[in-house]
């Protein structure tokens, strides 16, 4: 059975479906505070067809902190968050996305992968169901743990505004 992911920016949801279209899971997420867009430096969530190019964090503890896709050795806590309030927390697991549409979300100034756009875990205090990221798709840690185990590399991901 193959699966695919659909992310709705308007609804702030991520839906995992099988190849027959049956919904397997649905999650509340948080996409970019700046809305949709593909240009490097825009801090917007890219639209269009993507795929999961890399799965990062397998075997790491829940709340593992990642910087540049590497575990820092830290485990996120409220106290750590309070010490570093300006950090953009990337926790637990990372699904690194790559665009599939040259000129829209692949290559040049619109390359999703070079923009380091991920689906990733966030502190449990991070609001879901409303925009708030700097381009990535944020999820609850329990949700990204579940999703990570359900999606293989190269899983299709469609991101739309509807």
N, C-alpha and C. Protein backbone atom coordinates (compact mmCIF):
# COMPACT_ATOMS: atom_id res chain seq x y z
N UNK A 1 0.85 -1.18 0.00
CA UNK A 1 0.00 0.00 0.00
C UNK A 1 0.89 1.24 0.00
N UNK A 2 0.60 2.16 -0.89
CA UNK A 2 1.32 3.44 -0.89
C UNK A 2 0.46 4.49 -0.21
N UNK A 3 1.12 5.53 0.28
CA UNK A 3 0.42 6.61 0.98
C UNK A 3 0.83 7.94 0.37
N UNK A 4 0.02 8.95 0.63
CA UNK A 4 0.38 10.31 0.25
C UNK A 4 -0.14 11.28 1.31
N UNK A 5 0.52 12.44 1.35
CA UNK A 5 0.21 13.48 2.34
C UNK A 5 -0.38 14.67 1.61
N UNK A 6 -1.43 15.23 2.19
CA UNK A 6 -2.00 16.47 1.68
C UNK A 6 -2.04 17.47 2.83
N UNK A 7 -1.48 18.65 2.59
CA UNK A 7 -1.46 19.71 3.59
C UNK A 7 -2.32 20.86 3.08
N UNK A 8 -3.29 21.26 3.90
CA UNK A 8 -4.16 22.40 3.57
C UNK A 8 -3.72 23.59 4.41
N UNK A 9 -3.24 24.63 3.74
CA UNK A 9 -2.82 25.84 4.44
C UNK A 9 -4.04 26.54 5.04
N UNK A 10 -5.14 26.61 4.31
CA UNK A 10 -6.35 27.26 4.82
C UNK A 10 -6.87 26.57 6.09
N UNK A 11 -6.93 25.23 6.05
CA UNK A 11 -7.48 24.48 7.19
C UNK A 11 -6.46 24.13 8.25
N UNK A 12 -5.16 24.36 7.94
CA UNK A 12 -4.09 24.02 8.87
C UNK A 12 -4.18 22.54 9.28
N UNK A 13 -4.30 21.69 8.24
CA UNK A 13 -4.38 20.25 8.47
C UNK A 13 -3.41 19.51 7.57
N UNK A 14 -2.99 18.35 8.05
CA UNK A 14 -2.20 17.40 7.27
C UNK A 14 -3.00 16.11 7.27
N UNK A 15 -3.26 15.58 6.08
CA UNK A 15 -4.03 14.36 5.94
C UNK A 15 -3.18 13.31 5.25
N UNK A 16 -3.14 12.13 5.84
CA UNK A 16 -2.45 10.99 5.25
C UNK A 16 -3.50 10.05 4.68
N UNK A 17 -3.37 9.74 3.39
CA UNK A 17 -4.33 8.86 2.71
C UNK A 17 -3.59 7.72 2.04
N UNK A 18 -4.34 6.63 1.79
CA UNK A 18 -3.74 5.53 1.04
C UNK A 18 -4.01 5.71 -0.45
N UNK A 19 -3.56 4.75 -1.25
CA UNK A 19 -3.66 4.91 -2.69
C UNK A 19 -5.08 4.82 -3.23
N UNK A 20 -6.04 4.40 -2.39
CA UNK A 20 -7.44 4.41 -2.80
C UNK A 20 -8.13 5.71 -2.42
N UNK A 21 -7.41 6.59 -1.68
CA UNK A 21 -8.00 7.84 -1.23
C UNK A 21 -8.57 7.78 0.18
N UNK A 22 -8.53 6.61 0.80
CA UNK A 22 -9.04 6.49 2.16
C UNK A 22 -8.14 7.25 3.13
N UNK A 23 -8.74 8.10 3.97
CA UNK A 23 -7.99 8.87 4.96
C UNK A 23 -7.57 7.94 6.08
N UNK A 24 -6.26 7.88 6.30
CA UNK A 24 -5.71 7.05 7.37
C UNK A 24 -5.51 7.83 8.66
N UNK A 25 -5.08 9.08 8.53
CA UNK A 25 -4.84 9.95 9.68
C UNK A 25 -5.06 11.39 9.24
N UNK A 26 -5.44 12.22 10.21
CA UNK A 26 -5.56 13.66 9.97
C UNK A 26 -5.03 14.37 11.22
N UNK A 27 -4.24 15.41 11.00
CA UNK A 27 -3.59 16.12 12.09
C UNK A 27 -3.77 17.62 11.93
N UNK A 28 -3.84 18.34 13.05
CA UNK A 28 -3.77 19.80 13.05
C UNK A 28 -2.29 20.16 12.95
N UNK A 29 -1.97 21.16 12.14
CA UNK A 29 -0.59 21.59 11.95
C UNK A 29 -0.53 23.11 12.04
N UNK A 30 0.69 23.63 11.91
CA UNK A 30 0.90 25.07 11.83
C UNK A 30 1.85 25.34 10.68
N UNK A 31 1.36 26.06 9.67
CA UNK A 31 2.20 26.44 8.53
C UNK A 31 2.70 27.87 8.76
N UNK A 32 3.25 28.49 7.74
CA UNK A 32 3.93 29.78 7.89
C UNK A 32 3.01 30.93 8.30
N UNK A 33 3.50 31.72 9.24
CA UNK A 33 2.80 32.93 9.65
C UNK A 33 2.67 33.90 8.48
N UNK A 34 3.62 33.87 7.54
CA UNK A 34 3.60 34.76 6.38
C UNK A 34 2.74 34.22 5.24
N UNK A 35 2.10 33.08 5.42
CA UNK A 35 1.24 32.53 4.38
C UNK A 35 1.99 31.65 3.40
N UNK A 36 1.41 31.49 2.22
CA UNK A 36 1.97 30.61 1.19
C UNK A 36 2.92 31.38 0.29
N UNK A 37 3.96 30.71 -0.17
CA UNK A 37 4.91 31.30 -1.11
C UNK A 37 6.15 30.43 -1.24
N UNK A 38 6.82 30.59 -2.35
CA UNK A 38 7.91 29.68 -2.68
C UNK A 38 9.30 30.32 -2.68
N UNK A 39 9.41 31.62 -2.66
CA UNK A 39 10.69 32.29 -2.87
C UNK A 39 11.59 32.18 -1.63
N UNK A 40 12.85 31.90 -1.87
CA UNK A 40 13.86 31.83 -0.81
C UNK A 40 13.83 33.13 0.00
N UNK A 41 13.84 32.99 1.33
CA UNK A 41 13.86 34.15 2.20
C UNK A 41 12.49 34.72 2.52
N UNK A 42 11.44 34.16 1.94
CA UNK A 42 10.08 34.68 2.16
C UNK A 42 9.48 34.24 3.49
N UNK A 43 10.01 33.18 4.08
CA UNK A 43 9.45 32.59 5.30
C UNK A 43 7.99 32.21 5.10
N UNK A 44 7.70 31.67 3.91
CA UNK A 44 6.35 31.21 3.55
C UNK A 44 6.38 29.71 3.28
N UNK A 45 5.23 29.08 3.40
CA UNK A 45 5.11 27.65 3.12
C UNK A 45 4.91 27.44 1.63
N UNK A 46 5.77 26.62 1.00
CA UNK A 46 5.68 26.41 -0.45
C UNK A 46 4.49 25.54 -0.83
N UNK A 47 3.89 25.88 -1.96
CA UNK A 47 2.75 25.12 -2.48
C UNK A 47 3.21 24.15 -3.56
N UNK A 48 2.29 23.24 -3.91
CA UNK A 48 2.52 22.34 -5.03
C UNK A 48 2.92 20.94 -4.62
N UNK A 49 3.38 20.20 -5.63
CA UNK A 49 3.76 18.79 -5.44
C UNK A 49 5.18 18.70 -4.88
N UNK A 50 5.31 17.93 -3.84
CA UNK A 50 6.59 17.68 -3.18
C UNK A 50 6.72 16.18 -2.91
N UNK A 51 7.86 15.79 -2.37
CA UNK A 51 8.03 14.45 -1.85
C UNK A 51 8.92 14.50 -0.63
N UNK A 52 8.81 13.46 0.19
CA UNK A 52 9.66 13.35 1.38
C UNK A 52 11.02 12.86 0.89
N UNK A 53 12.00 13.76 0.85
CA UNK A 53 13.33 13.41 0.33
C UNK A 53 14.16 12.71 1.40
N UNK A 54 13.99 13.10 2.67
CA UNK A 54 14.77 12.48 3.74
C UNK A 54 13.93 12.40 5.00
N UNK A 55 14.14 11.31 5.74
CA UNK A 55 13.51 11.08 7.04
C UNK A 55 14.63 11.12 8.07
N UNK A 56 14.54 12.06 9.00
CA UNK A 56 15.65 12.31 9.93
C UNK A 56 15.16 12.17 11.37
N UNK A 57 15.94 11.46 12.18
CA UNK A 57 15.65 11.37 13.61
C UNK A 57 15.21 10.00 14.09
N UNK A 58 15.20 9.02 13.22
CA UNK A 58 14.78 7.68 13.63
C UNK A 58 15.59 7.23 14.85
N UNK A 59 14.88 6.75 15.86
CA UNK A 59 15.53 6.26 17.06
C UNK A 59 15.85 7.32 18.10
N UNK A 60 15.69 8.59 17.77
CA UNK A 60 15.95 9.65 18.75
C UNK A 60 14.77 9.74 19.74
N UNK A 61 15.06 10.23 20.92
CA UNK A 61 14.03 10.40 21.95
C UNK A 61 13.04 11.49 21.53
N UNK A 62 11.81 11.37 22.01
CA UNK A 62 10.84 12.45 21.81
C UNK A 62 11.41 13.72 22.41
N UNK A 63 11.18 14.85 21.74
CA UNK A 63 11.66 16.17 22.14
C UNK A 63 13.16 16.38 21.91
N UNK A 64 13.82 15.47 21.17
CA UNK A 64 15.21 15.72 20.77
C UNK A 64 15.25 17.01 19.96
N UNK A 65 16.21 17.88 20.27
CA UNK A 65 16.37 19.15 19.57
C UNK A 65 17.32 18.94 18.38
N UNK A 66 16.89 19.45 17.21
CA UNK A 66 17.71 19.38 16.01
C UNK A 66 18.10 20.80 15.58
N UNK A 67 19.35 20.93 15.14
CA UNK A 67 19.84 22.15 14.49
C UNK A 67 20.60 21.67 13.26
N UNK A 68 20.27 22.23 12.12
CA UNK A 68 20.87 21.82 10.85
C UNK A 68 20.72 20.31 10.64
N UNK A 69 19.56 19.79 11.03
CA UNK A 69 19.19 18.39 10.84
C UNK A 69 20.02 17.42 11.67
N UNK A 70 20.70 17.91 12.68
CA UNK A 70 21.52 17.07 13.56
C UNK A 70 21.03 17.23 15.00
N UNK A 71 20.95 16.13 15.75
CA UNK A 71 20.59 16.27 17.16
C UNK A 71 21.67 17.03 17.92
N UNK A 72 21.24 17.97 18.76
CA UNK A 72 22.18 18.80 19.51
C UNK A 72 22.63 18.15 20.81
N UNK A 73 21.95 17.09 21.22
CA UNK A 73 22.20 16.51 22.53
C UNK A 73 21.23 17.03 23.57
N UNK A 74 20.44 18.03 23.19
CA UNK A 74 19.45 18.60 24.11
C UNK A 74 18.12 17.87 23.96
N UNK A 75 17.37 17.84 25.04
CA UNK A 75 15.98 17.39 25.02
C UNK A 75 15.15 18.60 25.43
N UNK A 76 14.20 18.98 24.57
CA UNK A 76 13.40 20.18 24.84
C UNK A 76 12.62 20.03 26.14
N UNK A 77 12.61 21.12 26.90
CA UNK A 77 11.78 21.23 28.11
C UNK A 77 11.27 22.66 28.18
N UNK A 78 10.29 22.88 29.01
CA UNK A 78 9.78 24.25 29.18
C UNK A 78 10.90 25.18 29.63
N UNK A 79 11.75 24.70 30.52
CA UNK A 79 12.86 25.51 31.03
C UNK A 79 13.83 25.87 29.91
N UNK A 80 14.15 24.92 29.03
CA UNK A 80 15.03 25.20 27.90
C UNK A 80 14.39 26.23 26.97
N UNK A 81 13.09 26.08 26.73
CA UNK A 81 12.36 27.03 25.90
C UNK A 81 12.37 28.43 26.48
N UNK A 82 12.27 28.54 27.79
CA UNK A 82 12.29 29.84 28.44
C UNK A 82 13.68 30.47 28.39
N UNK A 83 14.73 29.64 28.43
CA UNK A 83 16.10 30.16 28.34
C UNK A 83 16.43 30.68 26.95
N UNK A 84 15.81 30.08 25.93
CA UNK A 84 16.10 30.46 24.54
C UNK A 84 14.78 30.74 23.80
N UNK A 85 14.10 31.83 24.16
CA UNK A 85 12.77 32.08 23.60
C UNK A 85 12.76 32.39 22.10
N UNK A 86 13.87 32.78 21.52
CA UNK A 86 13.89 33.14 20.10
C UNK A 86 14.23 31.97 19.17
N UNK A 87 14.57 30.82 19.73
CA UNK A 87 14.92 29.68 18.88
C UNK A 87 13.69 29.14 18.16
N UNK A 88 13.89 28.74 16.91
CA UNK A 88 12.83 28.07 16.16
C UNK A 88 13.04 26.57 16.39
N UNK A 89 12.25 26.01 17.29
CA UNK A 89 12.46 24.65 17.77
C UNK A 89 12.05 23.62 16.73
N UNK A 90 12.98 22.76 16.36
CA UNK A 90 12.74 21.63 15.47
C UNK A 90 13.02 20.40 16.31
N UNK A 91 11.94 19.65 16.59
CA UNK A 91 12.03 18.59 17.58
C UNK A 91 11.60 17.23 17.02
N UNK A 92 12.11 16.18 17.64
CA UNK A 92 11.65 14.79 17.57
C UNK A 92 11.95 14.09 16.25
N UNK A 93 11.37 14.54 15.14
CA UNK A 93 11.58 13.95 13.81
C UNK A 93 11.47 15.04 12.76
N UNK A 94 12.13 14.79 11.61
CA UNK A 94 12.09 15.71 10.48
C UNK A 94 11.76 14.91 9.22
N UNK A 95 10.78 15.39 8.47
CA UNK A 95 10.53 14.92 7.11
C UNK A 95 10.91 16.08 6.20
N UNK A 96 12.06 15.96 5.51
CA UNK A 96 12.61 17.03 4.68
C UNK A 96 11.97 16.94 3.31
N UNK A 97 11.35 18.02 2.87
CA UNK A 97 10.61 18.04 1.61
C UNK A 97 11.46 18.55 0.45
N UNK A 98 11.16 17.99 -0.73
CA UNK A 98 11.78 18.43 -1.98
C UNK A 98 10.66 18.71 -2.98
N UNK A 99 10.73 19.85 -3.64
CA UNK A 99 9.73 20.20 -4.65
C UNK A 99 9.87 19.33 -5.89
N UNK A 100 8.77 19.16 -6.60
CA UNK A 100 8.73 18.34 -7.82
C UNK A 100 8.43 19.15 -9.07
N UNK A 101 8.23 20.47 -8.92
CA UNK A 101 7.79 21.31 -10.05
C UNK A 101 8.83 22.38 -10.35
N UNK A 102 9.73 22.12 -11.33
CA UNK A 102 10.75 23.12 -11.68
C UNK A 102 10.12 24.48 -11.98
N UNK A 103 10.72 25.52 -11.37
CA UNK A 103 10.22 26.87 -11.56
C UNK A 103 9.13 27.27 -10.58
N UNK A 104 8.50 26.29 -9.95
CA UNK A 104 7.47 26.58 -8.95
C UNK A 104 8.00 26.32 -7.54
N UNK A 105 8.55 25.13 -7.30
CA UNK A 105 9.06 24.78 -5.97
C UNK A 105 10.36 23.96 -6.05
N UNK A 106 10.97 23.97 -7.23
CA UNK A 106 12.22 23.24 -7.43
C UNK A 106 13.17 24.08 -8.29
N UNK A 107 14.42 24.11 -7.87
CA UNK A 107 15.51 24.81 -8.56
C UNK A 107 15.42 26.33 -8.37
N UNK A 108 16.54 26.98 -8.59
CA UNK A 108 16.60 28.44 -8.51
C UNK A 108 16.17 29.00 -7.17
N UNK A 109 15.47 30.12 -7.21
CA UNK A 109 15.05 30.84 -6.01
C UNK A 109 13.78 30.29 -5.37
N UNK A 110 13.28 29.17 -5.88
CA UNK A 110 12.04 28.59 -5.34
C UNK A 110 12.23 27.14 -4.90
N UNK A 111 13.45 26.73 -4.60
CA UNK A 111 13.74 25.33 -4.30
C UNK A 111 13.41 24.98 -2.84
N UNK A 112 12.37 24.19 -2.67
CA UNK A 112 11.90 23.82 -1.33
C UNK A 112 13.01 23.15 -0.52
N UNK A 113 13.74 22.25 -1.12
CA UNK A 113 14.76 21.53 -0.35
C UNK A 113 15.89 22.47 0.08
N UNK A 114 16.32 23.34 -0.81
CA UNK A 114 17.38 24.30 -0.46
C UNK A 114 16.90 25.33 0.56
N UNK A 115 15.59 25.49 0.67
CA UNK A 115 15.01 26.39 1.68
C UNK A 115 14.90 25.68 3.03
N UNK A 116 15.21 24.40 3.08
CA UNK A 116 15.14 23.61 4.31
C UNK A 116 13.72 23.60 4.88
N UNK A 117 12.77 23.25 4.02
CA UNK A 117 11.37 23.15 4.45
C UNK A 117 11.11 21.72 4.92
N UNK A 118 10.63 21.60 6.16
CA UNK A 118 10.39 20.31 6.78
C UNK A 118 8.95 20.21 7.29
N UNK A 119 8.54 18.99 7.53
CA UNK A 119 7.46 18.67 8.46
C UNK A 119 8.19 18.20 9.71
N UNK A 120 7.94 18.84 10.85
CA UNK A 120 8.73 18.51 12.04
C UNK A 120 7.93 18.71 13.31
N UNK A 121 8.45 18.13 14.39
CA UNK A 121 7.85 18.29 15.70
C UNK A 121 8.16 19.66 16.29
N UNK A 122 7.31 20.07 17.23
CA UNK A 122 7.41 21.38 17.89
C UNK A 122 7.10 21.22 19.37
N UNK A 123 7.46 22.22 20.18
CA UNK A 123 7.09 22.16 21.60
C UNK A 123 5.57 21.98 21.75
N UNK A 124 5.17 21.23 22.75
CA UNK A 124 3.74 20.99 22.94
C UNK A 124 2.96 22.26 23.22
N UNK A 125 3.65 23.33 23.62
CA UNK A 125 2.99 24.62 23.86
C UNK A 125 2.75 25.40 22.57
N UNK A 126 3.32 24.95 21.45
CA UNK A 126 3.16 25.64 20.18
C UNK A 126 1.72 25.48 19.68
N UNK A 127 1.03 26.57 19.39
CA UNK A 127 -0.36 26.45 18.91
C UNK A 127 -0.42 25.74 17.56
N UNK A 128 -1.35 24.83 17.42
CA UNK A 128 -1.64 24.16 16.15
C UNK A 128 -2.99 24.65 15.66
N UNK A 129 -3.22 24.50 14.36
CA UNK A 129 -4.49 24.92 13.79
C UNK A 129 -4.50 26.37 13.36
N UNK A 130 -3.33 27.03 13.47
CA UNK A 130 -3.20 28.41 12.98
C UNK A 130 -1.76 28.63 12.53
N UNK A 131 -1.57 29.52 11.55
CA UNK A 131 -0.22 29.77 11.03
C UNK A 131 0.71 30.32 12.12
N UNK A 132 1.99 29.90 12.07
CA UNK A 132 2.93 30.40 13.06
C UNK A 132 4.38 30.11 12.76
N UNK A 133 4.66 29.27 11.77
CA UNK A 133 6.04 28.89 11.49
C UNK A 133 6.73 29.92 10.59
N UNK A 134 8.00 29.64 10.27
CA UNK A 134 8.73 30.49 9.33
C UNK A 134 8.88 29.79 7.98
N UNK A 135 7.94 28.88 7.68
CA UNK A 135 7.92 28.20 6.39
C UNK A 135 7.63 26.72 6.49
N UNK A 136 8.11 26.09 7.54
CA UNK A 136 7.91 24.65 7.72
C UNK A 136 6.47 24.34 8.13
N UNK A 137 6.20 23.04 8.21
CA UNK A 137 4.92 22.55 8.70
C UNK A 137 5.20 21.95 10.08
N UNK A 138 4.70 22.61 11.11
CA UNK A 138 4.90 22.17 12.49
C UNK A 138 3.81 21.19 12.89
N UNK A 139 4.20 20.21 13.70
CA UNK A 139 3.25 19.22 14.23
C UNK A 139 3.53 19.00 15.71
N UNK A 140 2.56 18.43 16.40
CA UNK A 140 2.75 17.95 17.76
C UNK A 140 3.76 16.80 17.71
N UNK A 141 4.54 16.63 18.76
CA UNK A 141 5.55 15.57 18.79
C UNK A 141 4.94 14.18 18.66
N UNK A 142 3.86 13.92 19.37
CA UNK A 142 3.21 12.60 19.26
C UNK A 142 2.74 12.36 17.83
N UNK A 143 2.27 13.40 17.16
CA UNK A 143 1.77 13.26 15.79
C UNK A 143 2.90 13.00 14.81
N UNK A 144 4.03 13.72 14.93
CA UNK A 144 5.13 13.49 13.99
C UNK A 144 5.74 12.11 14.23
N UNK A 145 5.75 11.65 15.47
CA UNK A 145 6.24 10.29 15.73
C UNK A 145 5.38 9.27 14.99
N UNK A 146 4.08 9.42 15.07
CA UNK A 146 3.16 8.50 14.40
C UNK A 146 3.32 8.60 12.87
N UNK A 147 3.29 9.82 12.35
CA UNK A 147 3.40 10.02 10.91
C UNK A 147 4.72 9.48 10.37
N UNK A 148 5.80 9.75 11.06
CA UNK A 148 7.14 9.33 10.63
C UNK A 148 7.18 7.82 10.38
N UNK A 149 6.54 7.06 11.24
CA UNK A 149 6.54 5.60 11.10
C UNK A 149 5.63 5.11 9.98
N UNK A 150 4.77 5.98 9.47
CA UNK A 150 3.81 5.59 8.42
C UNK A 150 4.24 5.98 7.01
N UNK A 151 5.24 6.85 6.89
CA UNK A 151 5.61 7.33 5.56
C UNK A 151 7.04 6.94 5.20
N UNK A 152 7.21 6.27 4.07
CA UNK A 152 8.55 5.94 3.60
C UNK A 152 9.16 7.12 2.85
N UNK A 153 10.47 7.05 2.56
CA UNK A 153 11.07 8.08 1.71
C UNK A 153 10.31 8.15 0.38
N UNK A 154 10.29 9.33 -0.19
CA UNK A 154 9.66 9.62 -1.49
C UNK A 154 8.13 9.59 -1.46
N UNK A 155 7.56 9.63 -0.26
CA UNK A 155 6.11 9.76 -0.15
C UNK A 155 5.71 11.09 -0.78
N UNK A 156 4.70 11.10 -1.68
CA UNK A 156 4.22 12.35 -2.26
C UNK A 156 3.56 13.24 -1.21
N UNK A 157 3.79 14.54 -1.34
CA UNK A 157 3.22 15.54 -0.43
C UNK A 157 2.66 16.67 -1.29
N UNK A 158 1.37 16.93 -1.18
CA UNK A 158 0.74 18.04 -1.90
C UNK A 158 0.38 19.12 -0.89
N UNK A 159 0.86 20.33 -1.15
CA UNK A 159 0.56 21.46 -0.27
C UNK A 159 -0.26 22.47 -1.07
N UNK A 160 -1.44 22.78 -0.54
CA UNK A 160 -2.31 23.73 -1.25
C UNK A 160 -2.90 24.73 -0.27
N UNK A 161 -3.45 25.81 -0.84
CA UNK A 161 -4.06 26.84 0.00
C UNK A 161 -5.47 26.48 0.40
N UNK A 162 -6.11 25.53 -0.29
CA UNK A 162 -7.50 25.17 0.04
C UNK A 162 -7.58 24.08 1.07
